[in-house]
Amino acid sequence: MREKVKLNSKASSYYYTTSKNKRTTPNKLKFRKFDPNTRKHEEFEEGKIK
């Protein structure tokens, strides 16, 4: 089952939304993506969508 997750930036309040398969990826996602607030690639970590 795919579940929607939020990728929160560690440097600012910007976030991306994506989905992940909980069965194949049980741990938290971490990506380096572009943050338009800081205009750099920053670390993004999974958080819950409220």
Protein backbone atom coordinates (compact mmCIF):
# COMPACT_ATOMS: atom_id res chain seq x y z
CA MET A 1 0.00 0.00 0.00
CA ARG A 2 1.37 3.39 -0.99
CA GLU A 3 1.14 6.17 1.55
CA LYS A 4 1.60 9.90 1.03
CA VAL A 5 4.54 11.47 2.86
CA LYS A 6 5.96 14.96 3.20
CA LEU A 7 9.68 15.66 2.67
CA ASN A 8 10.64 18.55 4.98
CA SER A 9 13.71 20.67 4.36
CA LYS A 10 16.22 20.83 7.22
CA ALA A 11 17.29 24.34 6.18
CA SER A 12 13.94 26.10 5.68
CA SER A 13 10.18 25.58 5.85
CA TYR A 14 9.92 24.31 2.26
CA TYR A 15 8.60 20.78 1.61
CA TYR A 16 7.84 18.30 -1.17
CA THR A 17 5.08 15.69 -1.16
CA THR A 18 5.53 12.18 -2.52
CA SER A 19 4.31 8.65 -1.92
CA LYS A 20 6.18 5.59 -0.71
CA ASN A 21 5.53 1.89 -0.35
CA LYS A 22 5.56 1.15 3.40
CA ARG A 23 6.14 -2.57 2.88
CA THR A 24 9.35 -2.23 0.85
CA THR A 25 10.65 0.95 2.54
CA PRO A 26 9.85 0.78 6.26
CA ASN A 27 12.45 3.39 7.36
CA LYS A 28 12.35 7.15 6.78
CA LEU A 29 13.24 8.63 3.41
CA LYS A 30 16.15 11.06 3.08
CA PHE A 31 16.99 12.93 -0.12
CA ARG A 32 19.11 15.86 -1.24
CA LYS A 33 16.80 18.05 -3.31
CA PHE A 34 16.70 21.66 -4.45
CA ASP A 35 15.32 24.13 -1.91
CA PRO A 36 14.08 27.31 -3.65
CA ASN A 37 14.11 29.30 -0.36
CA THR A 38 17.87 28.88 0.10
CA ARG A 39 18.54 28.38 -3.66
CA LYS A 40 20.76 25.34 -2.88
CA HIS A 41 20.46 21.59 -2.66
CA GLU A 42 19.57 20.72 0.92
CA GLU A 43 18.78 17.61 2.95
CA PHE A 44 15.08 16.66 3.03
CA GLU A 45 13.69 14.15 5.54
CA GLU A 46 10.35 12.38 5.68
CA GLY A 47 7.59 13.74 7.88
CA LYS A 48 3.88 13.04 8.29
CA ILE A 49 1.15 14.81 6.35
CA LYS A 50 -1.39 16.18 8.81
